[in-house]
PDB file of N, CA and C in Angstrom:
ATOM      1  N   MET A   1     -14.051  13.515  -6.731  1.00  0.00           N
ATOM      2  CA  MET A   1     -14.341  14.066  -6.037  1.00  0.00           C
ATOM      3  C   MET A   1     -13.652  15.436  -6.135  1.00  0.00           C
ATOM      4  N   MET A   2     -14.488  16.386  -5.954  1.00  0.00           N
ATOM      5  CA  MET A   2     -13.715  17.858  -5.401  1.00  0.00           C
ATOM      6  C   MET A   2     -13.637  17.970  -3.762  1.00  0.00           C
ATOM      7  N   ALA A   3     -13.192  19.270  -3.932  1.00  0.00           N
ATOM      8  CA  ALA A   3     -12.599  19.084  -2.065  1.00  0.00           C
ATOM      9  C   ALA A   3     -14.136  19.184  -1.228  1.00  0.00           C
ATOM     10  N   MET A   4     -14.598  19.368  -0.424  1.00  0.00           N
ATOM     11  CA  MET A   4     -15.507  19.352   0.528  1.00  0.00           C
ATOM     12  C   MET A   4     -14.877  19.446   2.008  1.00  0.00           C
ATOM     13  N   LEU A   5     -15.601  20.121   2.711  1.00  0.00           N
ATOM     14  CA  LEU A   5     -15.677  20.982   4.201  1.00  0.00           C
ATOM     15  C   LEU A   5     -17.094  20.850   4.853  1.00  0.00           C
ATOM     16  N   LYS A   6     -16.689  19.570   5.659  1.00  0.00           N
ATOM     17  CA  LYS A   6     -17.811  19.614   5.959  1.00  0.00           C
ATOM     18  C   LYS A   6     -17.705  20.065   7.866  1.00  0.00           C
ATOM     19  N   GLU A   7     -18.472  20.500   8.719  1.00  0.00           N
ATOM     20  CA  GLU A   7     -18.542  21.721   9.959  1.00  0.00           C
ATOM     21  C   GLU A   7     -19.607  22.063  10.783  1.00  0.00           C
ATOM     22  N   GLY A   8     -19.207  21.922  11.894  1.00  0.00           N
ATOM     23  CA  GLY A   8     -20.232  22.352  12.323  1.00  0.00           C
ATOM     24  C   GLY A   8     -20.124  23.022  13.561  1.00  0.00           C
ATOM     25  N   ALA A   9     -20.358  23.150  14.777  1.00  0.00           N
ATOM     26  CA  ALA A   9     -19.963  23.808  16.312  1.00  0.00           C
ATOM     27  C   ALA A   9     -18.679  23.304  16.978  1.00  0.00           C
ATOM     28  N   GLY A  10     -17.904  23.199  16.856  1.00  0.00           N
ATOM     29  CA  GLY A  10     -16.567  23.108  17.309  1.00  0.00           C
ATOM     30  C   GLY A  10     -16.136  21.487  16.571  1.00  0.00           C
ATOM     31  N   TRP A  11     -16.513  21.722  15.504  1.00  0.00           N
ATOM     32  CA  TRP A  11     -15.332  20.638  14.974  1.00  0.00           C
ATOM     33  C   TRP A  11     -15.694  20.861  12.786  1.00  0.00           C
ATOM     34  N   ARG A  12     -14.390  20.260  12.775  1.00  0.00           N
ATOM     35  CA  ARG A  12     -14.940  20.260  10.577  1.00  0.00           C
ATOM     36  C   ARG A  12     -13.683  19.145  10.420  1.00  0.00           C
ATOM     37  N   LEU A  13     -14.349  18.713   9.757  1.00  0.00           N
ATOM     38  CA  LEU A  13     -13.410  17.101   8.602  1.00  0.00           C
ATOM     39  C   LEU A  13     -13.743  17.742   6.806  1.00  0.00           C
ATOM     40  N   GLY A  14     -12.627  17.841   6.526  1.00  0.00           N
ATOM     41  CA  GLY A  14     -12.712  18.266   5.194  1.00  0.00           C
ATOM     42  C   GLY A  14     -11.603  17.021   4.503  1.00  0.00           C
ATOM     43  N   TRP A  15     -12.097  17.052   2.834  1.00  0.00           N
ATOM     44  CA  TRP A  15     -11.485  15.970   1.960  1.00  0.00           C
ATOM     45  C   TRP A  15     -10.636  16.601   1.092  1.00  0.00           C
ATOM     46  N   ASP A  16      -9.911  16.628  -0.167  1.00  0.00           N
ATOM     47  CA  ASP A  16      -9.572  17.360  -0.978  1.00  0.00           C
ATOM     48  C   ASP A  16      -8.609  16.502  -2.196  1.00  0.00           C
ATOM     49  N   ASP A  17      -9.327  15.688  -2.801  1.00  0.00           N
ATOM     50  CA  ASP A  17      -8.023  15.321  -3.830  1.00  0.00           C
ATOM     51  C   ASP A  17      -7.031  15.406  -4.676  1.00  0.00           C
ATOM     52  N   GLN A  18      -7.022  16.718  -5.052  1.00  0.00           N
ATOM     53  CA  GLN A  18      -6.428  17.712  -5.650  1.00  0.00           C
ATOM     54  C   GLN A  18      -5.087  17.879  -4.263  1.00  0.00           C
ATOM     55  N   ARG A  19      -5.019  17.568  -3.243  1.00  0.00           N
ATOM     56  CA  ARG A  19      -3.786  17.695  -2.571  1.00  0.00           C
ATOM     57  C   ARG A  19      -2.844  16.867  -2.994  1.00  0.00           C
ATOM     58  N   ASP A  20      -1.674  16.629  -2.813  1.00  0.00           N
ATOM     59  CA  ASP A  20      -0.563  15.722  -2.835  1.00  0.00           C
ATOM     60  C   ASP A  20      -0.376  14.855  -2.054  1.00  0.00           C
ATOM     61  N   LYS A  21       0.156  15.527  -0.954  1.00  0.00           N
ATOM     62  CA  LYS A  21       0.298  14.608   0.619  1.00  0.00           C
ATOM     63  C   LYS A  21      -0.613  14.392   1.358  1.00  0.00           C
ATOM     64  N   PHE A  22      -1.446  15.301   1.994  1.00  0.00           N
ATOM     65  CA  PHE A  22      -2.269  15.898   3.097  1.00  0.00           C
ATOM     66  C   PHE A  22      -3.540  16.159   2.517  1.00  0.00           C
ATOM     67  N   LYS A  23      -4.287  14.997   2.284  1.00  0.00           N
ATOM     68  CA  LYS A  23      -5.931  15.659   1.643  1.00  0.00           C
ATOM     69  C   LYS A  23      -6.965  15.782   2.814  1.00  0.00           C
ATOM     70  N   ALA A  24      -7.000  15.330   3.591  1.00  0.00           N
ATOM     71  CA  ALA A  24      -7.769  14.854   4.812  1.00  0.00           C
ATOM     72  C   ALA A  24      -7.779  16.345   6.166  1.00  0.00           C
ATOM     73  N   LEU A  25      -8.559  16.568   6.405  1.00  0.00           N
ATOM     74  CA  LEU A  25      -8.355  17.575   7.679  1.00  0.00           C
ATOM     75  C   LEU A  25      -9.172  17.766   8.549  1.00  0.00           C
ATOM     76  N   VAL A  26      -8.819  17.491   9.704  1.00  0.00           N
ATOM     77  CA  VAL A  26      -9.362  17.287  11.129  1.00  0.00           C
ATOM     78  C   VAL A  26      -9.405  18.277  11.745  1.00  0.00           C
ATOM     79  N   GLY A  27     -10.659  18.626  12.394  1.00  0.00           N
ATOM     80  CA  GLY A  27     -10.260  19.430  13.291  1.00  0.00           C
ATOM     81  C   GLY A  27     -11.435  20.183  14.361  1.00  0.00           C
ATOM     82  N   GLY A  28     -11.276  20.941  15.814  1.00  0.00           N
ATOM     83  CA  GLY A  28     -11.994  21.120  16.692  1.00  0.00           C
ATOM     84  C   GLY A  28     -11.946  22.431  16.650  1.00  0.00           C
ATOM     85  N   GLU A  29     -12.907  22.917  17.884  1.00  0.00           N
ATOM     86  CA  GLU A  29     -13.626  24.636  18.018  1.00  0.00           C
ATOM     87  C   GLU A  29     -11.521  25.453  17.977  1.00  0.00           C
ATOM     88  N   TYR A  30     -10.287  24.921  18.626  1.00  0.00           N
ATOM     89  CA  TYR A  30      -8.716  25.270  18.326  1.00  0.00           C
ATOM     90  C   TYR A  30      -7.878  24.613  18.063  1.00  0.00           C
ATOM     91  N   TRP A  31      -8.369  23.491  17.160  1.00  0.00           N
ATOM     92  CA  TRP A  31      -6.784  23.111  16.449  1.00  0.00           C
ATOM     93  C   TRP A  31      -7.574  22.285  15.156  1.00  0.00           C
ATOM     94  N   ALA A  32      -6.440  21.989  14.562  1.00  0.00           N
ATOM     95  CA  ALA A  32      -6.941  21.433  12.709  1.00  0.00           C
ATOM     96  C   ALA A  32      -5.303  20.526  12.604  1.00  0.00           C
ATOM     97  N   LEU A  33      -5.581  19.619  12.627  1.00  0.00           N
ATOM     98  CA  LEU A  33      -4.631  18.760  11.920  1.00  0.00           C
ATOM     99  C   LEU A  33      -5.154  18.160  10.164  1.00  0.00           C
ATOM    100  N   GLU A  34      -3.882  18.223   9.604  1.00  0.00           N
ATOM    101  CA  GLU A  34      -4.039  17.593   8.020  1.00  0.00           C
ATOM    102  C   GLU A  34      -2.999  16.263   8.147  1.00  0.00           C
ATOM    103  N   LEU A  35      -4.148  15.068   7.279  1.00  0.00           N
ATOM    104  CA  LEU A  35      -4.315  14.109   7.728  1.00  0.00           C
ATOM    105  C   LEU A  35      -3.773  13.409   6.295  1.00  0.00           C
ATOM    106  N   THR A  36      -2.716  12.252   5.583  1.00  0.00           N
ATOM    107  CA  THR A  36      -2.521  12.018   4.616  1.00  0.00           C
ATOM    108  C   THR A  36      -3.297  11.059   4.290  1.00  0.00           C
ATOM    109  N   GLN A  37      -3.868  10.559   3.524  1.00  0.00           N
ATOM    110  CA  GLN A  37      -5.078   9.649   3.061  1.00  0.00           C
ATOM    111  C   GLN A  37      -5.259   8.520   4.145  1.00  0.00           C
ATOM    112  N   SER A  38      -4.443   7.784   4.370  1.00  0.00           N
ATOM    113  CA  SER A  38      -4.379   6.613   4.896  1.00  0.00           C
ATOM    114  C   SER A  38      -4.406   6.714   6.238  1.00  0.00           C
ATOM    115  N   GLU A  39      -4.053   7.639   6.647  1.00  0.00           N
ATOM    116  CA  GLU A  39      -4.382   8.549   8.498  1.00  0.00           C
ATOM    117  C   GLU A  39      -5.378   8.270   8.276  1.00  0.00           C
ATOM    118  N   PHE A  40      -6.316   8.893   6.913  1.00  0.00           N
ATOM    119  CA  PHE A  40      -7.430   9.688   7.317  1.00  0.00           C
ATOM    120  C   PHE A  40      -8.638   8.056   7.444  1.00  0.00           C
ATOM    121  N   GLU A  41      -8.086   7.174   6.245  1.00  0.00           N
ATOM    122  CA  GLU A  41      -9.065   5.544   6.473  1.00  0.00           C
ATOM    123  C   GLU A  41      -8.411   5.355   7.778  1.00  0.00           C
ATOM    124  N   ASP A  42      -7.496   5.463   8.423  1.00  0.00           N
ATOM    125  CA  ASP A  42      -7.353   4.586   9.458  1.00  0.00           C
ATOM    126  C   ASP A  42      -8.848   5.404  10.795  1.00  0.00           C
ATOM    127  N   PHE A  43      -7.803   6.703  10.536  1.00  0.00           N
ATOM    128  CA  PHE A  43      -8.921   7.692  11.816  1.00  0.00           C
ATOM    129  C   PHE A  43     -10.138   6.734  11.351  1.00  0.00           C
ATOM    130  N   ARG A  44     -11.060   6.810  10.373  1.00  0.00           N
ATOM    131  CA  ARG A  44     -12.659   6.625  10.475  1.00  0.00           C
ATOM    132  C   ARG A  44     -13.091   5.190  10.201  1.00  0.00           C
ATOM    133  N   ARG A  45     -11.719   4.215  10.091  1.00  0.00           N
ATOM    134  CA  ARG A  45     -12.437   2.815  10.110  1.00  0.00           C
ATOM    135  C   ARG A  45     -12.261   2.979  12.212  1.00  0.00           C
ATOM    136  N   LEU A  46     -11.712   3.162  12.444  1.00  0.00           N
ATOM    137  CA  LEU A  46     -10.947   3.172  14.116  1.00  0.00           C
ATOM    138  C   LEU A  46     -12.254   4.074  14.711  1.00  0.00           C
ATOM    139  N   ALA A  47     -12.636   4.761  14.726  1.00  0.00           N
ATOM    140  CA  ALA A  47     -13.840   5.847  15.203  1.00  0.00           C
ATOM    141  C   ALA A  47     -14.914   5.493  14.691  1.00  0.00           C
ATOM    142  N   ARG A  48     -15.281   4.275  13.638  1.00  0.00           N
ATOM    143  CA  ARG A  48     -16.152   3.869  13.452  1.00  0.00           C
ATOM    144  C   ARG A  48     -16.255   2.091  14.992  1.00  0.00           C
ATOM    145  N   GLN A  49     -15.551   1.807  14.665  1.00  0.00           N
ATOM    146  CA  GLN A  49     -14.847   0.696  15.274  1.00  0.00           C
ATOM    147  C   GLN A  49     -15.303   0.638  16.851  1.00  0.00           C
ATOM    148  N   LEU A  50     -14.448   2.256  17.366  1.00  0.00           N
ATOM    149  CA  LEU A  50     -14.446   2.619  18.533  1.00  0.00           C
ATOM    150  C   LEU A  50     -16.806   2.773  18.821  1.00  0.00           C
ATOM    151  N   ALA A  51     -17.324   3.579  17.955  1.00  0.00           N
ATOM    152  CA  ALA A  51     -18.403   3.685  18.179  1.00  0.00           C
ATOM    153  C   ALA A  51     -19.435   2.410  18.436  1.00  0.00           C
ATOM    154  N   GLU A  52     -19.074   1.473  17.205  1.00  0.00           N
ATOM    155  CA  GLU A  52     -19.923   0.144  17.355  1.00  0.00           C
ATOM    156  C   GLU A  52     -19.375  -0.488  18.931  1.00  0.00           C
ATOM    157  N   THR A  53     -18.147  -0.203  19.600  1.00  0.00           N
ATOM    158  CA  THR A  53     -17.561  -1.235  20.481  1.00  0.00           C
ATOM    159  C   THR A  53     -18.593  -0.562  21.809  1.00  0.00           C
ATOM    160  N   MET A  54     -18.782   0.917  21.527  1.00  0.00           N
ATOM    161  CA  MET A  54     -19.318   1.979  22.913  1.00  0.00           C
ATOM    162  C   MET A  54     -20.780   1.151  22.715  1.00  0.00           C
ATOM    163  N   ALA A  55     -21.144   0.976  21.465  1.00  0.00           N
ATOM    164  CA  ALA A  55     -23.199   0.508  21.422  1.00  0.00           C
ATOM    165  C   ALA A  55     -23.004  -0.534  22.160  1.00  0.00           C
ATOM    166  N   ALA A  56     -22.384  -1.142  21.989  1.00  0.00           N
ATOM    167  CA  ALA A  56     -22.344  -2.953  22.364  1.00  0.00           C
ATOM    168  C   ALA A  56     -22.077  -3.161  23.686  1.00  0.00           C
ATOM    169  N   MET A  57     -21.422  -2.039  24.179  1.00  0.00           N
ATOM    170  CA  MET A  57     -20.897  -2.225  26.078  1.00  0.00           C
ATOM    171  C   MET A  57     -22.263  -1.867  26.008  1.00  0.00           C
ATOM    172  N   ALA A  58     -23.635  -1.037  25.904  1.00  0.00           N
ATOM    173  CA  ALA A  58     -24.868  -0.712  26.580  1.00  0.00           C
ATOM    174  C   ALA A  58     -25.086  -1.774  27.727  1.00  0.00           C
ATOM    175  N   THR A  59     -25.311  -3.515  27.045  1.00  0.00           N
ATOM    176  CA  THR A  59     -26.023  -4.308  27.828  1.00  0.00           C
ATOM    177  C   THR A  59     -24.785  -4.752  29.032  1.00  0.00           C
ATOM    178  N   GLU A  60     -23.559  -4.548  28.819  1.00  0.00           N
ATOM    179  CA  GLU A  60     -22.802  -4.902  29.989  1.00  0.00           C
ATOM    180  C   GLU A  60     -22.200  -4.048  31.300  1.00  0.00           C
ATOM    181  N   LEU A  61     -23.097  -2.826  30.938  1.00  0.00           N
ATOM    182  CA  LEU A  61     -22.629  -1.842  32.032  1.00  0.00           C
ATOM    183  C   LEU A  61     -23.881  -1.652  32.594  1.00  0.00           C
ATOM    184  N   MET A  62     -23.492  -0.632  33.562  1.00  0.00           N
ATOM    185  CA  MET A  62     -24.605  -0.385  34.672  1.00  0.00           C
ATOM    186  C   MET A  62     -24.755   1.093  34.128  1.00  0.00           C
ATOM    187  N   PRO A  63     -26.440   1.496  34.409  1.00  0.00           N
ATOM    188  CA  PRO A  63     -26.161   3.247  33.519  1.00  0.00           C
ATOM    189  C   PRO A  63     -25.625   3.492  33.737  1.00  0.00           C
ATOM    190  N   ASP A  64     -24.833   4.011  35.134  1.00  0.00           N
ATOM    191  CA  ASP A  64     -24.265   5.421  35.310  1.00  0.00           C
ATOM    192  C   ASP A  64     -22.415   4.724  35.414  1.00  0.00           C
ATOM    193  N   GLU A  65     -21.896   3.548  35.067  1.00  0.00           N
ATOM    194  CA  GLU A  65     -21.139   2.859  34.970  1.00  0.00           C
ATOM    195  C   GLU A  65     -20.344   3.736  33.429  1.00  0.00           C
ATOM    196  N   GLY A  66     -18.894   4.173  33.142  1.00  0.00           N
ATOM    197  CA  GLY A  66     -17.812   4.738  32.142  1.00  0.00           C
ATOM    198  C   GLY A  66     -17.289   3.769  31.590  1.00  0.00           C
ATOM    199  N   ILE A  67     -16.815   4.223  30.621  1.00  0.00           N
ATOM    200  CA  ILE A  67     -15.363   2.876  30.111  1.00  0.00           C
ATOM    201  C   ILE A  67     -14.708   3.876  29.317  1.00  0.00           C
ATOM    202  N   THR A  68     -13.792   3.569  28.674  1.00  0.00           N
ATOM    203  CA  THR A  68     -12.508   3.719  27.977  1.00  0.00           C
ATOM    204  C   THR A  68     -12.117   2.532  27.148  1.00  0.00           C
ATOM    205  N   CYS A  69     -12.602   2.872  26.063  1.00  0.00           N
ATOM    206  CA  CYS A  69     -12.118   1.877  24.750  1.00  0.00           C
ATOM    207  C   CYS A  69     -10.961   2.321  24.250  1.00  0.00           C
ATOM    208  N   GLU A  70      -9.575   1.738  23.528  1.00  0.00           N
ATOM    209  CA  GLU A  70      -8.920   2.425  22.507  1.00  0.00           C
ATOM    210  C   GLU A  70      -8.924   1.192  21.502  1.00  0.00           C
ATOM    211  N   GLN A  71      -8.005   2.301  20.219  1.00  0.00           N
ATOM    212  CA  GLN A  71      -7.859   1.037  18.817  1.00  0.00           C
ATOM    213  C   GLN A  71      -6.243   2.148  18.492  1.00  0.00           C
ATOM    214  N   GLU A  72      -5.944   0.959  17.705  1.00  0.00           N
ATOM    215  CA  GLU A  72      -4.740   1.510  17.347  1.00  0.00           C
ATOM    216  C   GLU A  72      -3.771   0.733  16.181  1.00  0.00           C
ATOM    217  N   THR A  73      -3.648   1.775  15.071  1.00  0.00           N
ATOM    218  CA  THR A  73      -2.999   1.477  13.960  1.00  0.00           C
ATOM    219  C   THR A  73      -1.789   1.981  14.006  1.00  0.00           C
ATOM    220  N   GLN A  74      -0.496   1.334  13.117  1.00  0.00           N
ATOM    221  CA  GLN A  74       0.474   1.830  12.934  1.00  0.00           C
ATOM    222  C   GLN A  74       0.591   3.737  12.438  1.00  0.00           C
ATOM    223  N   HIS A  75      -0.193   4.567  11.878  1.00  0.00           N
ATOM    224  CA  HIS A  75      -0.832   5.677  12.023  1.00  0.00           C
ATOM    225  C   HIS A  75      -1.277   6.275  13.282  1.00  0.00           C
ATOM    226  N   LEU A  76      -2.478   5.650  13.561  1.00  0.00           N
ATOM    227  CA  LEU A  76      -2.626   6.771  15.257  1.00  0.00           C
ATOM    228  C   LEU A  76      -2.901   5.914  16.039  1.00  0.00           C
ATOM    229  N   TRP A  77      -3.730   6.326  17.478  1.00  0.00           N
ATOM    230  CA  TRP A  77      -3.768   5.994  18.902  1.00  0.00           C
ATOM    231  C   TRP A  77      -5.519   6.416  18.681  1.00  0.00           C
ATOM    232  N   MET A  78      -6.397   5.804  18.751  1.00  0.00           N
ATOM    233  CA  MET A  78      -7.766   6.148  18.967  1.00  0.00           C
ATOM    234  C   MET A  78      -8.078   6.155  20.163  1.00  0.00           C
ATOM    235  N   GLU A  79      -8.888   6.877  21.085  1.00  0.00           N
ATOM    236  CA  GLU A  79      -9.691   6.453  22.759  1.00  0.00           C
ATOM    237  C   GLU A  79     -11.434   7.233  22.607  1.00  0.00           C
ATOM    238  N   ALA A  80     -12.379   6.496  23.107  1.00  0.00           N
ATOM    239  CA  ALA A  80     -13.455   6.414  23.443  1.00  0.00           C
ATOM    240  C   ALA A  80     -13.341   6.521  24.857  1.00  0.00           C
ATOM    241  N   GLU A  81     -13.815   7.812  25.615  1.00  0.00           N
ATOM    242  CA  GLU A  81     -14.063   7.869  27.119  1.00  0.00           C
ATOM    243  C   GLU A  81     -15.614   8.577  27.345  1.00  0.00           C
ATOM    244  N   GLY A  82     -16.497   7.663  28.160  1.00  0.00           N
ATOM    245  CA  GLY A  82     -17.632   8.303  28.452  1.00  0.00           C
ATOM    246  C   GLY A  82     -18.171   7.029  28.733  1.00  0.00           C
ATOM    247  N   PHE A  83     -19.865   7.386  28.553  1.00  0.00           N
ATOM    248  CA  PHE A  83     -20.546   6.041  28.808  1.00  0.00           C
ATOM    249  C   PHE A  83     -20.809   5.767  27.488  1.00  0.00           C
ATOM    250  N   HIS A  84     -21.714   4.969  27.089  1.00  0.00           N
ATOM    251  CA  HIS A  84     -21.872   3.734  25.952  1.00  0.00           C
ATOM    252  C   HIS A  84     -22.705   4.761  24.830  1.00  0.00           C
ATOM    253  N   ASN A  85     -23.534   5.445  25.525  1.00  0.00           N
ATOM    254  CA  ASN A  85     -24.319   6.459  24.199  1.00  0.00           C
ATOM    255  C   ASN A  85     -23.733   8.296  24.379  1.00  0.00           C
ATOM    256  N   SER A  86     -22.594   8.783  25.033  1.00  0.00           N
ATOM    257  CA  SER A  86     -21.926   9.610  25.114  1.00  0.00           C
ATOM    258  C   SER A  86     -20.420   9.449  25.565  1.00  0.00           C
ATOM    259  N   TYR A  87     -19.700   9.610  24.740  1.00  0.00           N
ATOM    260  CA  TYR A  87     -18.500   9.659  24.737  1.00  0.00           C
ATOM    261  C   TYR A  87     -17.385  10.712  24.306  1.00  0.00           C
ATOM    262  N   SER A  88     -16.315  10.873  24.781  1.00  0.00           N
ATOM    263  CA  SER A  88     -15.541  12.269  24.286  1.00  0.00           C
ATOM    264  C   SER A  88     -14.687  11.045  22.979  1.00  0.00           C
ATOM    265  N   LEU A  89     -14.288  11.652  22.385  1.00  0.00           N
ATOM    266  CA  LEU A  89     -13.486  11.045  21.076  1.00  0.00           C
ATOM    267  C   LEU A  89     -11.788  11.709  20.846  1.00  0.00           C
ATOM    268  N   ARG A  90     -11.011  11.058  21.316  1.00  0.00           N
ATOM    269  CA  ARG A  90      -9.161  11.551  21.116  1.00  0.00           C
ATOM    270  C   ARG A  90      -8.318  10.777  20.497  1.00  0.00           C
ATOM    271  N   PHE A  91      -7.772  11.593  19.749  1.00  0.00           N
ATOM    272  CA  PHE A  91      -6.339  10.382  18.588  1.00  0.00           C
ATOM    273  C   PHE A  91      -5.084  11.289  18.703  1.00  0.00           C
ATOM    274  N   ILE A  92      -4.214  10.562  18.793  1.00  0.00           N
ATOM    275  CA  ILE A  92      -2.639  11.098  18.582  1.00  0.00           C
ATOM    276  C   ILE A  92      -1.888  10.673  17.373  1.00  0.00           C
ATOM    277  N   LEU A  93      -1.164  11.257  16.437  1.00  0.00           N
ATOM    278  CA  LEU A  93      -0.392  10.548  15.421  1.00  0.00           C
ATOM    279  C   LEU A  93       0.380   9.678  15.934  1.00  0.00           C
ATOM    280  N   LEU A  94       1.007   8.883  15.118  1.00  0.00           N
ATOM    281  CA  LEU A  94       2.153   8.464  15.524  1.00  0.00           C
ATOM    282  C   LEU A  94       3.513   7.929  14.758  1.00  0.00           C
ATOM    283  N   ASN A  95       2.725   8.308  13.559  1.00  0.00           N
ATOM    284  CA  ASN A  95       4.305   8.057  12.640  1.00  0.00           C
ATOM    285  C   ASN A  95       4.823   9.269  12.338  1.00  0.00           C
ATOM    286  N   GLY A  96       5.749   9.419  13.465  1.00  0.00           N
ATOM    287  CA  GLY A  96       6.620  10.445  13.177  1.00  0.00           C
ATOM    288  C   GLY A  96       6.361  12.287  13.036  1.00  0.00           C
ATOM    289  N   ARG A  97       5.302  12.576  13.169  1.00  0.00           N
ATOM    290  CA  ARG A  97       4.980  13.952  13.145  1.00  0.00           C
ATOM    291  C   ARG A  97       3.828  13.700  14.337  1.00  0.00           C
ATOM    292  N   GLY A  98       4.149  15.356  14.782  1.00  0.00           N
ATOM    293  CA  GLY A  98       3.230  14.875  15.998  1.00  0.00           C
ATOM    294  C   GLY A  98       1.960  15.517  16.250  1.00  0.00           C
ATOM    295  N   GLY A  99       1.165  15.484  16.611  1.00  0.00           N
ATOM    296  CA  GLY A  99      -0.994  15.642  16.882  1.00  0.00           C
ATOM    297  C   GLY A  99      -1.681  15.282  17.047  1.00  0.00           C
ATOM    298  N   GLU A 100      -2.293  15.761  17.800  1.00  0.00           N
ATOM    299  CA  GLU A 100      -3.542  15.176  18.489  1.00  0.00           C
ATOM    300  C   GLU A 100      -4.707  16.102  18.407  1.00  0.00           C
ATOM    301  N   GLY A 101      -5.970  15.717  19.228  1.00  0.00           N
ATOM    302  CA  GLY A 101      -6.930  15.960  18.688  1.00  0.00           C
ATOM    303  C   GLY A 101      -8.636  15.180  19.580  1.00  0.00           C
ATOM    304  N   THR A 102      -8.914  16.346  20.035  1.00  0.00           N
ATOM    305  CA  THR A 102     -10.317  15.769  20.885  1.00  0.00           C
ATOM    306  C   THR A 102     -11.832  16.333  20.764  1.00  0.00           C
ATOM    307  N   TRP A 103     -12.508  15.696  20.252  1.00  0.00           N
ATOM    308  CA  TRP A 103     -13.977  15.998  20.557  1.00  0.00           C
ATOM    309  C   TRP A 103     -14.476  15.795  21.303  1.00  0.00           C
ATOM    310  N   PRO A 104     -15.262  16.690  22.389  1.00  0.00           N
ATOM    311  CA  PRO A 104     -16.180  16.546  23.676  1.00  0.00           C
ATOM    312  C   PRO A 104     -17.442  15.721  23.352  1.00  0.00           C
ATOM    313  N   ALA A 105     -18.062  14.729  24.493  1.00  0.00           N
ATOM    314  CA  ALA A 105     -19.060  14.007  24.270  1.00  0.00           C
ATOM    315  C   ALA A 105     -20.047  14.473  22.997  1.00  0.00           C
ATOM    316  N   ALA A 106     -20.385  15.999  23.628  1.00  0.00           N
ATOM    317  CA  ALA A 106     -21.718  16.502  23.000  1.00  0.00           C
ATOM    318  C   ALA A 106     -21.523  16.719  20.908  1.00  0.00           C
ATOM    319  N   ILE A 107     -19.726  16.881  20.561  1.00  0.00           N
ATOM    320  CA  ILE A 107     -19.862  16.659  19.284  1.00  0.00           C
ATOM    321  C   ILE A 107     -19.502  15.432  18.486  1.00  0.00           C
ATOM    322  N   VAL A 108     -19.209  14.430  18.965  1.00  0.00           N
ATOM    323  CA  VAL A 108     -19.013  13.320  18.860  1.00  0.00           C
ATOM    324  C   VAL A 108     -20.065  12.366  17.563  1.00  0.00           C
ATOM    325  N   PRO A 109     -21.118  12.456  18.277  1.00  0.00           N
ATOM    326  CA  PRO A 109     -22.074  11.926  17.043  1.00  0.00           C
ATOM    327  C   PRO A 109     -22.023  12.745  15.862  1.00  0.00           C
ATOM    328  N   GLU A 110     -21.895  14.041  15.609  1.00  0.00           N
ATOM    329  CA  GLU A 110     -22.139  15.303  14.398  1.00  0.00           C
ATOM    330  C   GLU A 110     -20.659  14.458  13.400  1.00  0.00           C
ATOM    331  N   VAL A 111     -19.773  14.795  13.812  1.00  0.00           N
ATOM    332  CA  VAL A 111     -18.544  14.147  13.671  1.00  0.00           C
ATOM    333  C   VAL A 111     -18.471  13.122  13.158  1.00  0.00           C
ATOM    334  N   LEU A 112     -19.305  11.632  14.069  1.00  0.00           N
ATOM    335  CA  LEU A 112     -19.074  10.387  13.139  1.00  0.00           C
ATOM    336  C   LEU A 112     -20.337  10.175  11.865  1.00  0.00           C
ATOM    337  N   HIS A 113     -20.839  11.111  12.129  1.00  0.00           N
ATOM    338  CA  HIS A 113     -22.327  11.053  11.249  1.00  0.00           C
ATOM    339  C   HIS A 113     -21.465  11.783   9.564  1.00  0.00           C
ATOM    340  N   SER A 114     -20.654  12.900  10.028  1.00  0.00           N
ATOM    341  CA  SER A 114     -19.907  13.334   8.847  1.00  0.00           C
ATOM    342  C   SER A 114     -18.857  12.689   8.740  1.00  0.00           C
ATOM    343  N   LEU A 115     -18.093  11.863   9.031  1.00  0.00           N
ATOM    344  CA  LEU A 115     -17.218  11.077   8.827  1.00  0.00           C
ATOM    345  C   LEU A 115     -18.247   9.829   7.548  1.00  0.00           C
ATOM    346  N   ASP A 116     -18.613   9.288   8.042  1.00  0.00           N
ATOM    347  CA  ASP A 116     -19.725   8.074   7.050  1.00  0.00           C
ATOM    348  C   ASP A 116     -20.061   9.382   5.604  1.00  0.00           C
ATOM    349  N   ARG A 117     -20.204  10.429   5.406  1.00  0.00           N
ATOM    350  CA  ARG A 117     -20.555  11.118   4.601  1.00  0.00           C
ATOM    351  C   ARG A 117     -19.328  11.327   3.112  1.00  0.00           C
ATOM    352  N   ILE A 118     -18.130  11.389   4.121  1.00  0.00           N
ATOM    353  CA  ILE A 118     -17.156  11.861   2.892  1.00  0.00           C
ATOM    354  C   ILE A 118     -16.432  10.146   2.491  1.00  0.00           C
ATOM    355  N   ASN A 119     -16.842  10.425   1.212  1.00  0.00           N
ATOM    356  CA  ASN A 119     -15.911   9.529   0.423  1.00  0.00           C
ATOM    357  C   ASN A 119     -14.544   9.190   0.059  1.00  0.00           C
ATOM    358  N   VAL A 120     -14.032   8.454   0.738  1.00  0.00           N
ATOM    359  CA  VAL A 120     -12.305   8.449   0.044  1.00  0.00           C
ATOM    360  C   VAL A 120     -12.071   7.096  -1.298  1.00  0.00           C
ATOM    361  N   PHE A 121     -11.975   7.305  -2.229  1.00  0.00           N
ATOM    362  CA  PHE A 121     -11.022   6.677  -3.015  1.00  0.00           C
ATOM    363  C   PHE A 121      -9.673   6.061  -3.348  1.00  0.00           C
TER     364      PHE A 121
END
């Protein structure tokens, strides 16, 4: 795969196989972080798991009831906060290098959709 960058209003995701250590890029409107392949794989997996959990909570919550869900690996911590169908997504790097990012609820569906379109091997 060659280098790719997907972006929209307030977000961007990138991947470049040719980079030695930091192959992935995740960013928001005013921030960006480079991630290793392992960090990015965890990032994608946790984002998907949180999206599935938030969707599954639809039948358990009142229409105006919010929820916060968290997932964590050795590389990062991630949180979805809001309503089952509209939530923000936030993450913090955990393995020595500092960094965190967040996307507001309006942007999360585009970020999740684009994460599924980046193939990492």
